[in-house]
Protein backbone atom coordinates (compact mmCIF):
# COMPACT_ATOMS: atom_id res chain seq x y z
CA UNK A 1 0.02 -0.01 0.00
CA UNK A 2 1.00 3.58 -0.61
CA UNK A 3 0.99 5.22 2.89
CA UNK A 4 1.37 8.95 3.58
CA UNK A 5 2.51 9.88 7.11
CA UNK A 6 1.60 13.53 7.89
CA UNK A 7 4.66 14.95 9.61
CA UNK A 8 7.87 13.36 10.81
CA UNK A 9 7.82 14.47 14.37
CA UNK A 10 7.69 12.50 17.62
CA UNK A 11 4.67 10.41 16.70
CA UNK A 12 4.46 10.30 13.02
CA UNK A 13 8.30 9.94 12.75
CA UNK A 14 8.32 7.02 15.04
CA UNK A 15 5.47 4.91 13.65
CA UNK A 16 6.25 5.96 9.98
CA UNK A 17 9.85 5.02 10.70
CA UNK A 18 8.90 1.53 11.97
CA UNK A 19 6.82 1.01 8.80
CA UNK A 20 9.78 2.12 6.59
CA UNK A 21 12.06 -0.10 8.53
CA UNK A 22 9.83 -3.07 7.68
CA UNK A 23 9.89 -1.97 3.98
CA UNK A 24 6.50 -0.53 3.44
CA UNK A 25 5.90 2.22 0.85
CA UNK A 26 5.87 5.10 3.24
CA UNK A 27 6.21 8.78 2.27
CA UNK A 28 6.29 11.71 4.84
CA UNK A 29 4.30 14.86 4.15
CA UNK A 30 6.62 17.57 5.71
CA UNK A 31 7.51 21.30 5.62
CA UNK A 32 10.51 22.31 3.61
CA UNK A 33 12.78 22.77 6.58
CA UNK A 34 12.13 19.29 7.92
CA UNK A 35 12.50 17.85 4.34
CA UNK A 36 16.01 19.32 4.12
CA UNK A 37 16.80 18.10 7.61
CA UNK A 38 15.73 14.49 6.67
CA UNK A 39 17.54 14.53 3.28
CA UNK A 40 20.70 15.59 5.12
CA UNK A 41 20.61 13.38 8.18
CA UNK A 42 17.93 10.76 7.66
CA UNK A 43 15.23 9.84 10.06
CA UNK A 44 16.89 8.57 13.24
CA UNK A 45 14.91 6.78 16.03
CA UNK A 46 16.52 6.19 19.31
CA UNK A 47 14.13 3.67 21.04
CA UNK A 48 13.99 1.15 23.88
CA UNK A 49 12.57 -1.21 21.13
CA UNK A 50 15.68 -0.77 18.97
CA UNK A 51 17.32 2.04 17.24
CA UNK A 52 17.02 2.63 13.42
CA UNK A 53 18.23 5.05 10.80
CA UNK A 54 16.24 5.32 7.52
CA UNK A 55 16.48 7.50 4.41
CA UNK A 56 12.84 8.40 4.16
CA UNK A 57 10.78 9.36 1.09
CA UNK A 58 9.24 12.97 1.64
CA UNK A 59 6.91 15.23 -0.16
CA UNK A 60 6.08 18.84 0.43
CA UNK A 61 2.31 19.67 0.19
CA UNK A 62 1.23 20.36 -3.33
CA UNK A 63 4.10 18.39 -4.89
CA UNK A 64 3.48 15.14 -6.79
CA UNK A 65 -0.39 15.18 -6.20
CA UNK A 66 -1.74 11.68 -6.46
CA UNK A 67 -4.00 9.58 -4.11
CA UNK A 68 -2.57 7.43 -1.43
CA UNK A 69 -4.23 4.26 0.00
CA UNK A 70 -3.86 5.51 3.53
CA UNK A 71 -3.05 8.76 5.24
CA UNK A 72 -2.04 8.73 8.82
CA UNK A 73 -2.46 11.92 10.75
CA UNK A 74 -0.41 12.43 13.90
CA UNK A 75 -0.90 16.12 14.32
CA UNK A 76 -2.22 18.29 17.07
CA UNK A 77 -5.94 19.45 16.96
CA UNK A 78 -4.98 23.15 16.47
CA UNK A 79 -3.08 22.10 13.24
CA UNK A 80 -5.98 20.20 11.72
CA UNK A 81 -7.52 22.88 9.60
CA UNK A 82 -4.24 23.60 7.79
CA UNK A 83 -3.25 19.99 7.61
CA UNK A 84 -6.61 19.15 5.82
CA UNK A 85 -5.57 21.66 3.12
CA UNK A 86 -2.11 20.07 2.78
CA UNK A 87 -3.52 16.39 2.39
CA UNK A 88 -6.35 17.24 0.05
CA UNK A 89 -4.16 16.73 -3.03
CA UNK A 90 -3.39 13.17 -1.90
CA UNK A 91 -6.96 11.98 -0.90
CA UNK A 92 -8.73 9.90 -3.51
CA UNK A 93 -12.18 8.21 -3.44
CA UNK A 94 -10.78 5.16 -1.69
CA UNK A 95 -8.16 6.77 0.53
CA UNK A 96 -8.41 5.79 4.23
CA UNK A 97 -7.68 8.70 6.56
CA UNK A 98 -6.32 7.37 9.92
CA UNK A 99 -6.34 10.07 12.56
CA UNK A 100 -4.33 9.48 15.72
CA UNK A 101 -5.44 12.77 17.48
CA UNK A 102 -6.81 12.84 20.93
CA UNK A 103 -10.44 13.65 21.44
CA UNK A 104 -13.40 13.08 19.20
CA UNK A 105 -14.53 16.23 17.63
CA UNK A 106 -11.98 15.93 14.89
CA UNK A 107 -13.64 12.95 13.40
CA UNK A 108 -16.79 15.13 12.44
CA UNK A 109 -14.30 17.85 11.11
CA UNK A 110 -12.62 15.20 8.87
CA UNK A 111 -15.90 13.58 7.60
CA UNK A 112 -17.33 17.05 6.80
CA UNK A 113 -14.30 17.67 4.60
CA UNK A 114 -13.64 14.47 3.04
CA UNK A 115 -16.75 12.27 3.46
CA UNK A 116 -17.84 9.22 5.64
CA UNK A 117 -16.13 6.63 3.48
CA UNK A 118 -12.63 8.15 3.72
CA UNK A 119 -12.35 8.52 7.52
CA UNK A 120 -11.52 5.40 9.75
CA UNK A 121 -11.01 5.38 13.49
CA UNK A 122 -7.71 5.42 15.32
CA UNK A 123 -5.63 6.24 18.43
CA UNK A 124 -2.17 5.90 19.64
CA UNK A 125 -0.23 5.53 22.96
CA UNK A 126 3.45 6.42 22.68
CA UNK A 127 5.88 8.34 24.77
CA UNK A 128 8.28 10.04 22.29
CA UNK A 129 9.69 13.47 21.53
CA UNK A 130 12.16 15.17 19.06
CA UNK A 131 15.60 16.02 20.38
CA UNK A 132 17.43 19.19 19.37
CA UNK A 133 18.93 17.45 16.25
CA UNK A 134 15.58 16.25 15.02
CA UNK A 135 16.00 12.65 16.21
CA UNK A 136 12.91 10.75 17.51
CA UNK A 137 13.47 9.56 21.07
CA UNK A 138 11.00 6.98 22.21
CA UNK A 139 11.43 5.97 25.81
CA UNK A 140 8.81 3.53 27.14
CA UNK A 141 7.54 0.05 26.40
CA UNK A 142 4.16 1.34 25.17
CA UNK A 143 4.13 2.15 21.43
CA UNK A 144 0.69 1.18 20.31
CA UNK A 145 -1.59 2.33 17.38
CA UNK A 146 -5.19 0.82 17.38
CA UNK A 147 -7.23 1.38 14.21
CA UNK A 148 -10.46 0.11 12.64
CA UNK A 149 -13.49 0.89 10.57
CA UNK A 150 -15.77 3.13 12.50
CA UNK A 151 -18.65 0.67 11.74
CA UNK A 152 -16.52 -2.11 13.45
CA UNK A 153 -16.72 -4.22 10.33
CA UNK A 154 -13.66 -6.11 8.98
CA UNK A 155 -13.78 -4.81 5.38
CA UNK A 156 -11.47 -5.89 2.76
CA UNK A 157 -9.71 -2.51 2.78
CA UNK A 158 -9.25 -2.62 6.55
CA UNK A 159 -7.79 -6.10 6.35
CA UNK A 160 -5.42 -4.96 3.62
CA UNK A 161 -4.37 -2.04 5.84
CA UNK A 162 -3.92 -4.50 8.84
CA UNK A 163 -1.47 -6.53 6.64
CA UNK A 164 0.46 -3.56 5.71
CA UNK A 165 0.79 -2.27 9.34
CA UNK A 166 1.57 -5.74 10.92
CA UNK A 167 5.04 -7.17 11.35
CA UNK A 168 6.78 -3.98 12.59
CA UNK A 169 8.72 -3.37 15.85
CA UNK A 170 5.71 -1.15 16.82
CA UNK A 171 2.31 -2.42 17.93
CA UNK A 172 -0.43 -1.96 15.20
CA UNK A 173 -3.78 -3.40 16.26
CA UNK A 174 -7.08 -3.77 14.40
CA UNK A 175 -10.13 -3.12 16.56
CA UNK A 176 -13.69 -3.92 15.84
CA UNK A 177 -14.63 -1.52 18.69
CA UNK A 178 -12.55 1.45 17.68
CA UNK A 179 -15.20 4.15 18.49
CA UNK A 180 -15.43 2.83 22.15
CA UNK A 181 -11.61 2.67 22.30
CA UNK A 182 -11.40 6.23 21.21
CA UNK A 183 -13.76 7.44 23.78
CA UNK A 184 -11.92 5.50 26.50
CA UNK A 185 -8.65 7.13 25.47
CA UNK A 186 -10.35 10.58 25.55
CA UNK A 187 -11.53 9.85 29.05
CA UNK A 188 -8.05 8.78 30.10
CA UNK A 189 -6.20 11.76 28.38
CA UNK A 190 -8.73 14.15 29.87
CA UNK A 191 -7.98 12.94 33.31
CA UNK A 192 -4.13 12.44 33.10
CA UNK A 193 -3.59 15.67 31.09
CA UNK A 194 -6.07 17.62 33.28
CA UNK A 195 -4.63 16.89 36.68
CA UNK A 196 -0.91 16.78 35.63
CA UNK A 197 -1.33 20.31 33.93
CA UNK A 198 -3.41 21.62 36.89
CA UNK A 199 -1.02 20.55 39.59
CA UNK A 200 2.19 21.12 37.46
CA UNK A 201 3.47 17.67 38.63
CA UNK A 202 3.84 14.07 37.51
CA UNK A 203 1.00 11.62 38.33
CA UNK A 204 2.80 10.06 41.26
CA UNK A 205 2.74 13.04 43.71
CA UNK A 206 -0.81 14.00 42.68
CA UNK A 207 -2.30 10.49 43.55
CA UNK A 208 -0.42 10.55 46.85
CA UNK A 209 -2.01 13.78 47.96
CA UNK A 210 -5.53 13.67 49.29
CA UNK A 211 -6.86 16.57 47.21
CA UNK A 212 -4.88 15.42 44.13
CA UNK A 213 -6.47 11.90 44.32
CA UNK A 214 -9.93 13.42 44.75
CA UNK A 215 -9.32 15.61 41.75
CA UNK A 216 -8.45 12.50 39.62
CA UNK A 217 -11.69 10.78 40.67
CA UNK A 218 -13.81 13.88 40.13
CA UNK A 219 -12.29 14.28 36.71
CA UNK A 220 -13.03 10.82 35.75
CA UNK A 221 -16.57 11.07 37.08
CA UNK A 222 -17.42 14.51 35.48
CA UNK A 223 -16.00 13.61 31.93
CA UNK A 224 -17.60 10.14 31.91
CA UNK A 225 -21.04 11.57 32.92
CA UNK A 226 -20.79 14.05 29.98
CA UNK A 227 -19.68 11.30 27.52
CA UNK A 228 -22.50 9.14 28.55
CA UNK A 229 -24.98 11.82 28.11
CA UNK A 230 -23.68 12.29 24.62
CA UNK A 231 -24.30 8.56 23.91
CA UNK A 232 -20.69 7.52 23.90
CA UNK A 233 -20.35 3.70 24.16
CA UNK A 234 -18.05 3.73 27.15
CA UNK A 235 -18.03 0.73 29.46
CA UNK A 236 -19.96 0.68 32.72
CA UNK A 237 -16.75 0.08 34.72
CA UNK A 238 -14.54 2.35 32.76
CA UNK A 239 -13.97 4.70 35.67
CA UNK A 240 -12.65 2.05 37.98
CA UNK A 241 -10.38 0.54 35.28
CA UNK A 242 -8.97 3.84 34.35
CA UNK A 243 -8.35 4.81 37.99
CA UNK A 244 -6.56 1.52 38.37
CA UNK A 245 -4.46 2.26 35.34
CA UNK A 246 -3.57 5.69 36.54
CA UNK A 247 -2.49 4.26 40.01
CA UNK A 248 -0.22 1.82 38.18
CA UNK A 249 1.64 4.39 36.07
CA UNK A 250 5.19 5.31 36.83
CA UNK A 251 5.56 7.87 39.62
CA UNK A 252 7.31 10.49 37.29
CA UNK A 253 4.88 9.99 34.30
CA UNK A 254 3.77 13.31 32.80
CA UNK A 255 1.26 14.00 30.15
CA UNK A 256 2.23 15.36 26.64
CA UNK A 257 0.02 18.39 27.41
CA UNK A 258 1.85 19.16 30.58
CA UNK A 259 5.09 18.73 28.67
CA UNK A 260 3.97 21.16 25.99
CA UNK A 261 3.18 23.74 28.68
CA UNK A 262 6.62 23.43 30.18
CA UNK A 263 8.06 24.19 26.72
CA UNK A 264 5.64 27.14 26.21
CA UNK A 265 4.07 25.39 23.22
CA UNK A 266 0.46 25.57 22.00
CA UNK A 267 -2.12 23.24 23.71
CA UNK A 268 -5.44 21.55 22.94
CA UNK A 269 -7.49 23.20 25.60
CA UNK A 270 -10.63 23.68 23.62
CA UNK A 271 -10.42 20.51 21.63
CA UNK A 272 -10.22 18.40 24.70
CA UNK A 273 -11.93 20.36 27.41
CA UNK A 274 -13.88 23.17 25.79
CA UNK A 275 -15.87 20.51 23.85
CA UNK A 276 -16.76 18.57 26.92
CA UNK A 277 -17.79 21.71 28.88
CA UNK A 278 -20.04 23.11 26.06
CA UNK A 279 -21.93 19.70 26.16
CA UNK A 280 -22.04 19.82 29.86
CA UNK A 281 -23.63 23.33 29.79
CA UNK A 282 -26.26 22.03 27.40
CA UNK A 283 -27.34 19.22 29.68
CA UNK A 284 -26.72 20.99 33.02
CA UNK A 285 -24.15 18.47 34.07
CA UNK A 286 -21.97 19.62 37.04
CA UNK A 287 -18.33 19.82 36.03
CA UNK A 288 -16.50 21.81 38.54
CA UNK A 289 -13.13 20.09 38.31
CA UNK A 290 -13.19 20.27 34.56
CA UNK A 291 -14.05 23.98 34.80
CA UNK A 292 -10.82 24.54 36.93
CA UNK A 293 -8.80 22.39 34.62
CA UNK A 294 -10.07 24.42 31.56
CA UNK A 295 -9.61 27.81 33.26
CA UNK A 296 -6.04 26.79 34.16
CA UNK A 297 -5.37 25.96 30.43
CA UNK A 298 -6.97 29.15 29.10
CA UNK A 299 -5.04 31.33 31.46
CA UNK A 300 -1.88 29.61 30.23
CA UNK A 301 -3.05 30.29 26.63
CA UNK A 302 -3.49 33.97 27.35
């Protein structure tokens, strides 16, 4: 399959690099500066799962316009509008667009632009970053992509994509319940990102503090109540399972949103929290902890 990876940063660079390592037909859609860097130094991945150096194929938006079989989006929500313009020359009638963004509202945005048929479901879990020389540094055992048809069906095209993505040193998993898994990740990220950014601390000290632990539980409860009101197919016991997961995480674990704030980078306040709070207001659902988290993020943005 012809696969286009949008960006060659911490996430796209890692998963795209693993596919290129396997020998798949992978091209990275990048800006001119990153293209020059990759042409000079290649794509270097330093990972606990094995280091690699590859010479990737690259394209700058607008060049060589032709449809790809699959396009993997690993961008931030605030980049989505410009990215949709960038990928349009590479979307054909049968192109599968696989978004790895956090949250859920981006799905409707992509469907409105490219149509129901072109958009599949997806998510990822990976701890990675770019160092000062543009190398991808991946530092934890978790490096997972989960994908599937939003209908849950095992269609011929999704099975073909599964074949292309399998057999790498990263974990690519086909799911028949991808919408539920996306909502579950949304709930998890809402909680982890919310409390770590609010307290400016890793998860360990927060859960050991009485008020911190209460904030974790309240965020889970408020967000899941909103999601259920929206008809999200989240499991009945999702709060307990996610609390258990949060309690089992490494003491020094930080969220990517918190790391972005430490670096003075843009964040996804409205995409993750503004969306939920707008829905909470419609249905008069109490969300005091989410309100405080969102206020903290908007103050940071200002």
